[in-house]
N, C-alpha and C. Protein backbone atom coordinates (compact mmCIF):
# COMPACT_ATOMS: atom_id res chain seq x y z
N UNK A 1 1.06 -1.06 -0.02
CA UNK A 1 0.01 -0.08 -0.19
C UNK A 1 0.71 0.71 -0.34
N UNK A 2 1.92 1.13 0.81
CA UNK A 2 3.02 2.45 0.93
C UNK A 2 3.63 2.63 -0.51
N UNK A 3 3.88 1.55 -1.32
CA UNK A 3 4.97 1.75 -2.55
C UNK A 3 3.95 2.58 -3.36
N UNK A 4 4.38 3.30 -4.20
CA UNK A 4 4.32 4.63 -4.75
C UNK A 4 2.77 5.62 -4.65
N UNK A 5 2.65 5.35 -3.28
CA UNK A 5 1.31 5.72 -2.12
C UNK A 5 0.76 7.29 -3.29
N UNK A 6 1.78 7.91 -3.22
CA UNK A 6 1.81 9.72 -3.40
C UNK A 6 0.80 9.31 -4.73
N UNK A 7 1.56 8.67 -5.48
CA UNK A 7 1.11 8.83 -6.76
C UNK A 7 -0.36 7.38 -7.07
N UNK A 8 -0.78 7.04 -6.15
CA UNK A 8 -1.73 6.63 -6.39
C UNK A 8 -2.90 6.85 -6.13
N UNK A 9 -2.51 8.14 -4.88
CA UNK A 9 -3.54 8.66 -4.00
C UNK A 9 -4.03 9.90 -5.03
N UNK A 10 -3.10 10.87 -5.76
CA UNK A 10 -3.23 11.59 -6.96
C UNK A 10 -4.30 10.56 -7.88
N UNK A 11 -4.00 9.53 -8.11
CA UNK A 11 -4.72 8.91 -9.67
C UNK A 11 -6.04 8.86 -9.13
N UNK A 12 -6.31 8.30 -7.74
CA UNK A 12 -7.39 7.56 -7.52
C UNK A 12 -8.47 9.34 -6.92
N UNK A 13 -7.77 10.07 -6.66
CA UNK A 13 -8.43 11.67 -6.89
C UNK A 13 -8.90 11.95 -8.20
N UNK A 14 -7.94 12.02 -8.77
CA UNK A 14 -8.11 12.20 -10.53
C UNK A 14 -9.41 11.51 -10.86
N UNK A 15 -8.92 10.43 -10.97
CA UNK A 15 -10.31 9.59 -11.49
C UNK A 15 -11.54 9.52 -10.38
N UNK A 16 -11.63 9.89 -9.58
CA UNK A 16 -12.90 9.65 -8.67
C UNK A 16 -13.81 11.09 -9.63
N UNK A 17 -13.09 11.65 -9.91
CA UNK A 17 -13.54 13.21 -10.24
C UNK A 17 -14.34 13.00 -11.67
N UNK A 18 -14.26 11.71 -12.41
CA UNK A 18 -14.19 11.04 -13.77
C UNK A 18 -16.13 10.91 -13.67
N UNK A 19 -16.51 10.25 -12.58
CA UNK A 19 -17.78 9.96 -12.08
C UNK A 19 -18.48 10.62 -11.39
N UNK A 20 -20.29 10.67 -11.09
CA UNK A 20 -20.72 11.08 -10.69
C UNK A 20 -21.99 10.33 -10.13
N UNK A 21 -22.63 11.06 -9.21
CA UNK A 21 -24.21 10.26 -8.54
C UNK A 21 -24.85 9.87 -9.35
N UNK A 22 -25.34 8.57 -9.57
CA UNK A 22 -26.16 7.69 -10.57
C UNK A 22 -25.25 7.09 -10.87
N UNK A 23 -24.08 7.03 -11.29
CA UNK A 23 -23.19 5.63 -11.75
C UNK A 23 -23.41 4.82 -11.15
N UNK A 24 -23.50 3.91 -11.64
CA UNK A 24 -23.14 2.11 -11.22
C UNK A 24 -21.59 1.55 -11.81
N UNK A 25 -20.77 1.22 -11.06
CA UNK A 25 -19.56 1.02 -10.96
C UNK A 25 -18.66 -0.07 -10.38
N UNK A 26 -18.28 -1.27 -11.18
CA UNK A 26 -17.73 -2.48 -11.09
C UNK A 26 -16.20 -1.67 -10.61
N UNK A 27 -15.75 -2.13 -9.46
CA UNK A 27 -14.43 -2.06 -9.19
C UNK A 27 -13.76 -2.94 -8.58
N UNK A 28 -12.38 -3.55 -9.23
CA UNK A 28 -11.69 -4.78 -8.48
C UNK A 28 -10.52 -4.37 -7.55
N UNK A 29 -10.26 -5.59 -7.08
CA UNK A 29 -8.94 -5.30 -6.11
C UNK A 29 -7.62 -4.47 -6.19
N UNK A 30 -7.55 -3.75 -5.72
CA UNK A 30 -5.92 -3.15 -6.11
C UNK A 30 -5.72 -1.97 -4.99
N UNK A 31 -4.54 -1.09 -4.66
CA UNK A 31 -4.15 -0.63 -3.83
C UNK A 31 -4.40 0.99 -4.64
N UNK A 32 -4.40 0.63 -5.63
CA UNK A 32 -4.56 1.94 -6.54
C UNK A 32 -6.22 1.73 -6.74
N UNK A 33 -6.97 0.99 -6.60
CA UNK A 33 -8.23 1.10 -6.46
C UNK A 33 -8.51 1.85 -5.24
N UNK A 34 -8.02 0.96 -3.99
CA UNK A 34 -8.80 1.49 -2.92
C UNK A 34 -8.36 2.72 -2.77
N UNK A 35 -7.30 3.56 -2.98
CA UNK A 35 -7.43 5.11 -2.96
C UNK A 35 -8.10 5.72 -3.76
N UNK A 36 -8.29 5.19 -4.91
CA UNK A 36 -9.93 5.65 -5.89
C UNK A 36 -11.10 5.61 -5.48
N UNK A 37 -11.38 4.24 -4.38
CA UNK A 37 -12.58 4.19 -3.31
C UNK A 37 -12.67 5.26 -2.62
N UNK A 38 -11.55 5.37 -1.82
CA UNK A 38 -11.80 6.31 -0.89
C UNK A 38 -12.15 7.96 -1.41
N UNK A 39 -11.68 8.36 -2.59
CA UNK A 39 -12.18 9.28 -3.10
C UNK A 39 -13.41 9.18 -3.50
N UNK A 40 -13.54 8.24 -4.36
CA UNK A 40 -15.23 8.10 -5.06
C UNK A 40 -16.40 8.32 -3.67
N UNK A 41 -16.10 7.79 -2.43
CA UNK A 41 -16.96 7.61 -1.37
C UNK A 41 -17.40 9.01 -1.22
N UNK A 42 -16.82 10.17 -1.49
CA UNK A 42 -17.61 11.63 -1.17
C UNK A 42 -18.69 11.32 -2.14
N UNK A 43 -19.04 10.62 -3.36
CA UNK A 43 -19.74 11.00 -4.07
C UNK A 43 -21.19 10.62 -3.66
N UNK A 44 -22.25 10.31 -3.96
CA UNK A 44 -23.67 10.29 -3.19
C UNK A 44 -24.45 9.20 -4.80
N UNK A 45 -24.92 8.71 -4.13
CA UNK A 45 -25.89 7.94 -5.21
C UNK A 45 -25.25 7.32 -6.48
N UNK A 46 -24.13 6.04 -5.52
CA UNK A 46 -23.18 5.34 -6.64
C UNK A 46 -24.01 3.70 -6.27
N UNK A 47 -24.01 2.65 -6.93
CA UNK A 47 -24.00 1.75 -7.38
C UNK A 47 -22.50 0.93 -7.47
N UNK A 48 -21.94 0.35 -6.18
CA UNK A 48 -20.80 -0.37 -6.68
C UNK A 48 -20.64 -1.26 -6.49
N UNK A 49 -19.90 -2.11 -7.41
CA UNK A 49 -20.03 -3.53 -7.19
C UNK A 49 -18.86 -4.08 -7.27
N UNK A 50 -18.30 -4.91 -6.06
CA UNK A 50 -17.00 -5.26 -6.20
C UNK A 50 -16.78 -6.26 -5.52
N UNK A 51 -15.69 -7.37 -5.36
CA UNK A 51 -14.97 -8.21 -5.12
C UNK A 51 -14.04 -7.65 -3.89
N UNK A 52 -13.79 -6.45 -3.66
CA UNK A 52 -13.24 -6.12 -2.58
C UNK A 52 -13.21 -5.60 -1.14
N UNK A 53 -13.02 -6.87 -0.01
CA UNK A 53 -13.92 -6.38 1.04
C UNK A 53 -13.57 -4.45 1.28
N UNK A 54 -12.18 -4.38 2.14
CA UNK A 54 -11.99 -2.96 1.95
C UNK A 54 -12.78 -1.90 1.13
N UNK A 55 -12.65 -2.02 -0.36
CA UNK A 55 -13.61 -1.32 -0.95
C UNK A 55 -15.09 -1.16 -0.50
N UNK A 56 -15.36 -2.27 -0.58
CA UNK A 56 -17.32 -2.24 0.17
C UNK A 56 -17.29 -1.50 1.14
N UNK A 57 -16.28 -1.70 2.51
CA UNK A 57 -16.47 -0.68 3.42
C UNK A 57 -16.34 0.63 3.20
N UNK A 58 -15.45 1.24 2.40
CA UNK A 58 -15.18 2.29 2.31
C UNK A 58 -16.60 3.01 1.52
N UNK A 59 -16.97 2.39 0.42
CA UNK A 59 -17.64 2.86 -0.22
C UNK A 59 -19.55 2.96 0.61
N UNK A 60 -19.14 1.74 1.07
CA UNK A 60 -20.52 1.58 2.03
C UNK A 60 -20.97 2.22 3.38
N UNK A 61 -19.72 2.71 3.83
CA UNK A 61 -19.92 4.01 5.56
C UNK A 61 -20.06 4.94 5.01
N UNK A 62 -19.87 5.52 3.42
CA UNK A 62 -20.59 6.68 2.42
C UNK A 62 -21.77 6.88 2.53
N UNK A 63 -22.35 5.81 2.88
CA UNK A 63 -23.96 5.46 2.62
C UNK A 63 -24.31 5.08 0.55
N UNK A 64 -23.55 5.24 -0.22
CA UNK A 64 -23.86 4.20 -1.25
C UNK A 64 -24.29 3.40 -1.15
N UNK A 65 -24.81 2.50 -2.57
CA UNK A 65 -25.19 0.93 -2.47
C UNK A 65 -23.93 0.02 -2.92
N UNK A 66 -24.00 -1.12 -2.66
CA UNK A 66 -22.82 -1.92 -2.42
C UNK A 66 -23.02 -3.12 -2.26
N UNK A 67 -22.62 -3.84 -3.58
CA UNK A 67 -22.89 -5.12 -3.78
C UNK A 67 -21.52 -5.81 -3.91
N UNK A 68 -21.49 -6.81 -2.64
CA UNK A 68 -19.95 -7.54 -2.50
C UNK A 68 -20.04 -8.65 -3.04
N UNK A 69 -19.38 -8.61 -4.28
CA UNK A 69 -19.04 -10.31 -4.87
C UNK A 69 -18.80 -11.16 -3.95
N UNK A 70 -19.37 -12.39 -3.75
CA UNK A 70 -19.23 -13.47 -2.97
C UNK A 70 -17.79 -14.08 -4.43
N UNK A 71 -17.57 -15.72 -3.06
CA UNK A 71 -16.54 -16.37 -3.51
C UNK A 71 -15.75 -16.77 -2.44
N UNK A 72 -14.76 -17.12 -3.09
CA UNK A 72 -13.24 -17.72 -2.17
C UNK A 72 -12.15 -16.55 -1.35
N UNK A 73 -12.36 -16.33 -0.26
CA UNK A 73 -12.42 -15.51 0.48
C UNK A 73 -10.25 -15.54 0.38
N UNK A 74 -10.11 -14.33 -0.15
CA UNK A 74 -8.54 -14.37 -0.07
C UNK A 74 -7.61 -13.51 1.13
N UNK A 75 -7.44 -13.92 2.72
CA UNK A 75 -6.97 -12.76 3.38
C UNK A 75 -6.10 -12.05 3.30
N UNK A 76 -5.12 -12.64 2.17
CA UNK A 76 -3.66 -11.70 1.85
C UNK A 76 -3.98 -10.63 1.30
N UNK A 77 -5.15 -10.53 0.15
CA UNK A 77 -5.21 -9.24 -0.18
C UNK A 77 -6.86 -8.87 -0.12
N UNK A 78 -7.46 -9.48 0.89
CA UNK A 78 -8.98 -9.11 1.10
C UNK A 78 -9.96 -9.09 0.21
N UNK A 79 -9.71 -10.14 -0.56
CA UNK A 79 -10.63 -10.16 -1.88
C UNK A 79 -11.07 -11.44 -2.09
N UNK A 80 -12.42 -11.80 -2.92
CA UNK A 80 -12.98 -12.63 -3.76
C UNK A 80 -12.85 -13.27 -4.45
N UNK A 81 -12.81 -14.56 -4.76
CA UNK A 81 -12.14 -14.86 -5.92
C UNK A 81 -12.71 -15.90 -6.02
N UNK A 82 -12.76 -16.48 -7.70
CA UNK A 82 -13.13 -18.24 -7.98
C UNK A 82 -14.46 -18.33 -8.48
N UNK A 83 -14.80 -19.56 -8.93
CA UNK A 83 -15.94 -19.41 -10.01
C UNK A 83 -17.20 -18.76 -9.01
N UNK A 84 -17.36 -19.14 -7.90
CA UNK A 84 -18.86 -18.12 -7.13
C UNK A 84 -18.56 -16.82 -7.78
N UNK A 85 -17.09 -16.18 -7.59
CA UNK A 85 -17.53 -14.51 -7.99
C UNK A 85 -17.71 -14.63 -9.26
N UNK A 86 -16.95 -14.94 -10.34
CA UNK A 86 -17.15 -15.05 -11.45
C UNK A 86 -18.83 -15.40 -11.85
N UNK A 87 -19.54 -16.00 -11.60
CA UNK A 87 -20.82 -16.38 -12.06
C UNK A 87 -21.72 -15.24 -11.25
N UNK A 88 -21.48 -14.45 -10.17
CA UNK A 88 -22.02 -13.73 -9.71
C UNK A 88 -22.02 -12.25 -10.37
N UNK A 89 -20.85 -11.95 -10.95
CA UNK A 89 -20.36 -10.91 -12.00
C UNK A 89 -21.32 -10.41 -12.82
N UNK A 90 -21.84 -12.13 -13.65
CA UNK A 90 -22.61 -11.89 -15.05
C UNK A 90 -24.06 -11.71 -14.63
N UNK A 91 -24.24 -11.61 -13.21
CA UNK A 91 -25.52 -11.07 -12.85
C UNK A 91 -26.31 -9.87 -12.75
N UNK A 92 -24.76 -8.83 -12.91
CA UNK A 92 -24.77 -7.33 -13.13
C UNK A 92 -24.44 -6.64 -14.27
N UNK A 93 -25.17 -6.20 -14.61
CA UNK A 93 -24.48 -5.11 -15.64
C UNK A 93 -24.50 -3.69 -15.16
N UNK A 94 -23.03 -3.01 -15.60
CA UNK A 94 -22.69 -1.47 -15.03
C UNK A 94 -22.53 -0.57 -15.90
N UNK A 95 -22.81 0.29 -15.65
CA UNK A 95 -22.03 1.75 -16.65
C UNK A 95 -20.61 1.70 -16.86
N UNK A 96 -19.70 1.23 -15.68
CA UNK A 96 -18.13 1.51 -15.83
C UNK A 96 -18.11 0.23 -14.82
N UNK A 97 -16.49 0.16 -15.51
CA UNK A 97 -15.62 -0.83 -14.58
C UNK A 97 -14.43 -0.04 -14.59
N UNK A 98 -14.05 0.16 -13.37
CA UNK A 98 -12.87 0.83 -12.71
C UNK A 98 -11.37 -0.52 -12.42
N UNK A 99 -10.25 -0.32 -13.11
CA UNK A 99 -9.81 -1.85 -13.03
C UNK A 99 -8.57 -1.31 -13.03
N UNK A 100 -7.79 -1.97 -12.18
CA UNK A 100 -6.06 -1.59 -11.74
C UNK A 100 -5.60 -2.83 -12.26
N UNK A 101 -4.26 -2.93 -12.86
CA UNK A 101 -3.33 -3.86 -13.66
C UNK A 101 -1.98 -4.07 -12.81
N UNK A 102 -1.62 -5.15 -13.66
CA UNK A 102 0.19 -5.25 -12.78
C UNK A 102 0.80 -5.12 -14.12
N UNK A 103 0.43 -4.40 -15.41
CA UNK A 103 1.22 -4.40 -16.55
C UNK A 103 0.65 -4.13 -17.27
N UNK A 104 1.35 -3.29 -18.21
CA UNK A 104 0.48 -2.93 -19.46
C UNK A 104 1.61 -2.37 -20.73
N UNK A 105 1.57 -2.75 -21.63
CA UNK A 105 2.56 -2.68 -23.02
C UNK A 105 1.42 -2.42 -24.09
N UNK A 106 2.64 -2.66 -25.34
CA UNK A 106 1.55 -2.45 -26.80
C UNK A 106 1.05 -3.87 -26.74
N UNK A 107 0.93 -4.82 -26.20
CA UNK A 107 0.11 -6.00 -26.18
C UNK A 107 -1.38 -5.98 -25.60
N UNK A 108 -0.86 -5.24 -24.61
CA UNK A 108 -2.53 -4.81 -23.64
C UNK A 108 -2.25 -4.76 -22.17
N UNK A 109 -3.62 -4.79 -21.27
CA UNK A 109 -2.78 -5.08 -19.98
C UNK A 109 -3.19 -6.95 -19.50
N UNK A 110 -1.89 -6.73 -18.20
CA UNK A 110 -1.49 -7.76 -18.09
C UNK A 110 -1.38 -7.76 -16.26
N UNK A 111 -1.73 -9.03 -15.75
CA UNK A 111 -1.52 -9.52 -14.39
C UNK A 111 -0.77 -10.56 -13.60
N UNK A 112 -0.35 -10.79 -12.92
CA UNK A 112 0.42 -11.52 -12.41
C UNK A 112 -0.48 -12.92 -11.05
N UNK A 113 -1.68 -12.39 -11.09
CA UNK A 113 -2.91 -13.21 -10.58
C UNK A 113 -3.37 -14.16 -11.56
N UNK A 114 -3.58 -15.20 -12.05
CA UNK A 114 -4.91 -16.09 -12.46
C UNK A 114 -6.27 -15.27 -12.00
N UNK A 115 -6.30 -15.19 -10.45
CA UNK A 115 -7.34 -15.30 -10.21
C UNK A 115 -8.06 -13.78 -10.42
N UNK A 116 -6.70 -12.60 -10.34
CA UNK A 116 -7.49 -11.48 -10.17
C UNK A 116 -7.46 -11.16 -12.09
N UNK A 117 -6.89 -11.49 -12.83
CA UNK A 117 -7.12 -11.54 -14.06
C UNK A 117 -8.51 -11.85 -14.54
N UNK A 118 -9.28 -13.38 -13.98
CA UNK A 118 -10.45 -13.62 -14.22
C UNK A 118 -11.57 -12.99 -14.35
N UNK A 119 -11.24 -12.40 -12.96
CA UNK A 119 -12.00 -11.40 -11.88
C UNK A 119 -12.62 -10.15 -12.89
N UNK A 120 -11.20 -9.38 -13.36
CA UNK A 120 -11.00 -8.63 -13.98
C UNK A 120 -11.79 -8.56 -15.54
N UNK A 121 -11.49 -9.75 -16.47
CA UNK A 121 -12.25 -10.21 -17.27
C UNK A 121 -13.49 -9.47 -16.87
N UNK A 122 -13.96 -10.90 -15.74
CA UNK A 122 -16.10 -10.76 -15.85
C UNK A 122 -16.41 -9.40 -15.81
N UNK A 123 -15.43 -8.59 -14.44
CA UNK A 123 -16.63 -7.00 -14.64
C UNK A 123 -16.11 -6.51 -15.80
N UNK A 124 -15.35 -6.32 -16.63
CA UNK A 124 -15.22 -5.72 -18.11
C UNK A 124 -16.08 -6.19 -19.16
N UNK A 125 -16.58 -7.65 -19.01
CA UNK A 125 -17.58 -7.91 -19.99
C UNK A 125 -18.93 -7.56 -19.46
N UNK A 126 -18.99 -7.30 -18.08
CA UNK A 126 -20.39 -6.47 -17.92
C UNK A 126 -20.81 -4.93 -17.70
N UNK A 127 -19.56 -4.40 -18.72
CA UNK A 127 -19.30 -2.86 -18.41
C UNK A 127 -19.58 -2.44 -19.36
N UNK A 128 -20.44 -1.27 -19.47
CA UNK A 128 -20.43 -0.21 -20.91
C UNK A 128 -18.71 0.33 -21.38
N UNK A 129 -18.52 0.84 -20.10
CA UNK A 129 -17.04 1.53 -20.35
C UNK A 129 -15.71 1.00 -19.12
N UNK A 130 -14.81 1.18 -19.66
CA UNK A 130 -13.52 0.94 -19.24
C UNK A 130 -12.50 1.57 -18.69
N UNK A 131 -12.22 2.07 -17.37
CA UNK A 131 -11.26 3.25 -17.05
C UNK A 131 -10.11 2.57 -16.12
N UNK A 132 -9.25 2.47 -16.25
CA UNK A 132 -7.63 1.34 -15.94
C UNK A 132 -7.49 3.08 -15.44
N UNK A 133 -6.69 2.72 -13.90
CA UNK A 133 -5.83 3.20 -13.18
C UNK A 133 -4.31 2.29 -12.98
N UNK A 134 -3.88 2.86 -12.87
CA UNK A 134 -2.28 2.70 -12.46
C UNK A 134 -1.36 3.35 -12.56
N UNK A 135 -0.60 3.19 -11.66
CA UNK A 135 0.64 4.32 -11.30
C UNK A 135 1.83 3.81 -12.30
N UNK A 136 2.37 4.53 -12.56
CA UNK A 136 3.89 4.55 -13.96
C UNK A 136 4.48 3.55 -13.89
N UNK A 137 5.12 2.69 -12.96
CA UNK A 137 5.58 1.35 -12.43
C UNK A 137 4.98 0.30 -13.51
N UNK A 138 3.89 0.35 -13.56
CA UNK A 138 3.27 -0.70 -14.10
C UNK A 138 3.29 -0.30 -16.05
N UNK A 139 3.72 0.49 -16.13
CA UNK A 139 3.99 0.73 -17.85
C UNK A 139 5.16 -0.16 -18.29
N UNK A 140 5.31 -0.40 -19.30
CA UNK A 140 5.72 -1.08 -19.94
C UNK A 140 6.59 -2.05 -19.50
N UNK A 141 5.83 -3.06 -18.93
CA UNK A 141 6.18 -4.19 -18.40
C UNK A 141 4.67 -5.34 -18.66
N UNK A 142 5.41 -6.29 -18.72
CA UNK A 142 4.88 -7.70 -19.00
C UNK A 142 4.43 -8.44 -18.01
N UNK A 143 3.34 -8.84 -18.26
CA UNK A 143 2.64 -10.02 -16.69
C UNK A 143 2.27 -11.14 -17.64
N UNK A 144 1.97 -12.39 -16.62
CA UNK A 144 2.11 -13.56 -16.62
C UNK A 144 0.58 -14.21 -17.42
N UNK A 145 -0.23 -13.06 -17.21
CA UNK A 145 -1.75 -13.37 -17.95
C UNK A 145 -2.32 -12.13 -18.42
N UNK A 146 -2.72 -12.29 -19.91
CA UNK A 146 -3.42 -11.16 -20.74
C UNK A 146 -5.08 -10.80 -19.81
N UNK A 147 -5.24 -9.95 -19.76
CA UNK A 147 -6.31 -9.37 -19.16
C UNK A 147 -7.17 -8.74 -20.52
N UNK A 148 -7.04 -8.25 -21.35
CA UNK A 148 -7.50 -7.51 -22.07
C UNK A 148 -6.43 -6.61 -22.80
N UNK A 149 -6.90 -6.51 -24.41
CA UNK A 149 -6.35 -5.74 -25.37
C UNK A 149 -6.59 -4.55 -25.09
N UNK A 150 -5.33 -3.41 -25.92
CA UNK A 150 -5.62 -1.60 -25.43
C UNK A 150 -7.25 -1.60 -25.89
N UNK A 151 -7.60 -2.36 -27.31
CA UNK A 151 -8.86 -1.35 -27.82
C UNK A 151 -9.63 -1.79 -26.77
N UNK A 152 -9.44 -2.09 -25.67
CA UNK A 152 -10.94 -2.25 -24.77
C UNK A 152 -11.18 -1.44 -23.75
N UNK A 153 -9.98 -0.79 -23.71
CA UNK A 153 -9.97 0.06 -22.63
C UNK A 153 -10.45 1.66 -23.32
N UNK A 154 -11.67 2.64 -22.55
CA UNK A 154 -11.93 3.97 -22.98
C UNK A 154 -11.29 5.03 -22.22
N UNK A 155 -10.70 5.12 -20.95
CA UNK A 155 -9.95 5.52 -20.56
C UNK A 155 -8.46 5.30 -19.48
N UNK A 156 -7.49 5.46 -19.60
CA UNK A 156 -6.24 5.39 -18.75
C UNK A 156 -6.06 6.60 -18.17
N UNK A 157 -5.92 6.48 -16.83
CA UNK A 157 -5.63 7.41 -15.84
C UNK A 157 -4.21 7.14 -15.02
N UNK A 158 -3.32 7.79 -15.75
CA UNK A 158 -1.74 7.41 -15.07
C UNK A 158 -1.00 8.48 -14.74
N UNK A 159 0.23 8.66 -13.64
CA UNK A 159 0.73 9.84 -13.33
C UNK A 159 2.10 10.01 -14.27
N UNK A 160 2.35 9.33 -15.22
CA UNK A 160 3.22 9.61 -16.03
C UNK A 160 2.94 9.42 -17.66
N UNK A 161 3.30 9.80 -18.58
CA UNK A 161 3.37 9.79 -20.16
C UNK A 161 4.19 8.89 -20.34
N UNK A 162 3.17 8.08 -21.35
CA UNK A 162 3.60 6.63 -21.35
C UNK A 162 5.14 6.77 -22.56
N UNK A 163 6.19 5.39 -22.66
CA UNK A 163 7.02 5.50 -23.57
C UNK A 163 6.61 6.11 -24.84
N UNK A 164 7.22 6.19 -26.32
CA UNK A 164 6.71 6.42 -27.46
C UNK A 164 5.96 5.49 -27.97
N UNK A 165 6.63 4.15 -27.89
CA UNK A 165 5.69 3.16 -28.29
C UNK A 165 4.67 2.95 -27.90
N UNK A 166 4.29 2.02 -26.72
CA UNK A 166 2.97 2.57 -25.88
C UNK A 166 1.89 3.89 -26.22
N UNK A 167 2.30 4.88 -26.18
CA UNK A 167 1.50 6.10 -26.65
C UNK A 167 0.95 5.94 -27.64
N UNK A 168 2.10 5.29 -28.67
CA UNK A 168 1.45 5.29 -29.95
C UNK A 168 0.07 4.62 -30.01
N UNK A 169 0.86 3.23 -29.72
CA UNK A 169 -0.07 1.98 -29.56
C UNK A 169 -1.99 2.04 -28.90
N UNK A 170 -1.83 2.99 -27.90
CA UNK A 170 -2.33 3.74 -26.74
C UNK A 170 -3.48 4.28 -27.98
N UNK A 171 -2.77 5.67 -28.49
CA UNK A 171 -3.70 6.70 -29.58
C UNK A 171 -3.98 5.77 -30.65
N UNK A 172 -3.33 4.98 -31.32
CA UNK A 172 -4.20 4.07 -32.44
C UNK A 172 -5.54 2.77 -32.01
N UNK A 173 -5.16 2.76 -30.82
CA UNK A 173 -6.56 1.76 -30.06
C UNK A 173 -8.05 2.77 -29.76
N UNK A 174 -7.22 4.18 -29.66
CA UNK A 174 -8.62 4.98 -29.21
C UNK A 174 -8.56 4.87 -27.81
N UNK A 175 -7.43 5.18 -26.88
CA UNK A 175 -7.69 5.27 -25.46
C UNK A 175 -7.71 6.28 -24.96
N UNK A 176 -8.41 7.17 -24.48
CA UNK A 176 -8.21 8.48 -24.05
C UNK A 176 -7.55 8.45 -22.86
N UNK A 177 -5.99 8.99 -22.73
CA UNK A 177 -4.91 9.10 -21.48
C UNK A 177 -5.32 10.78 -21.12
N UNK A 178 -5.27 10.27 -20.02
CA UNK A 178 -5.56 11.19 -18.63
C UNK A 178 -3.95 11.33 -17.83
N UNK A 179 -3.71 12.13 -17.82
CA UNK A 179 -2.37 12.57 -17.12
C UNK A 179 -2.87 13.29 -16.01
N UNK A 180 -2.18 12.59 -14.89
CA UNK A 180 -2.81 13.30 -13.64
C UNK A 180 -1.46 14.05 -13.09
N UNK A 181 -1.99 15.71 -12.55
CA UNK A 181 -0.76 16.20 -12.24
C UNK A 181 -0.29 16.20 -11.03
N UNK A 182 0.99 16.16 -11.22
CA UNK A 182 1.95 15.65 -9.94
C UNK A 182 1.92 16.91 -8.84
N UNK A 183 1.48 16.07 -7.67
CA UNK A 183 1.19 17.67 -5.84
C UNK A 183 2.36 17.84 -6.14
């Protein structure tokens, strides 16, 4: 949680400003999405669907509607994963999915956990728009599991400009890149 905390907090604050009252949002597990949820909790009349216990608590305490996805609980990451989680996700249709990733390069978004990749894919399949939030340590990296291609991303919120090859690939894919001002 402390690694790149300042950048993640700024990303979360900026990304929360992209949403408004009445939105329905899938939010997956991650430290960046937890910073986002803390900022998003200041909004009202949201509906959030998540597999993350801390995110559910944060959003729920502010009076917003929260659906907690069940499944196999992983205490090390305070999230629910597995077949039950994937099945429950298919019962929802949200306007947005806000996903964090382990790696992003010209080939797409990747992760290092198959369970987290599966949950992210399921959430994205049930959402109209995808916003990816990630700090720059995730850029130009490779992960073990491909989650989705660049073309699926609507908005990318990051703290620094990607390198020329990745930036060209994002532009070609039609991704709206949001650079977060540094504090």
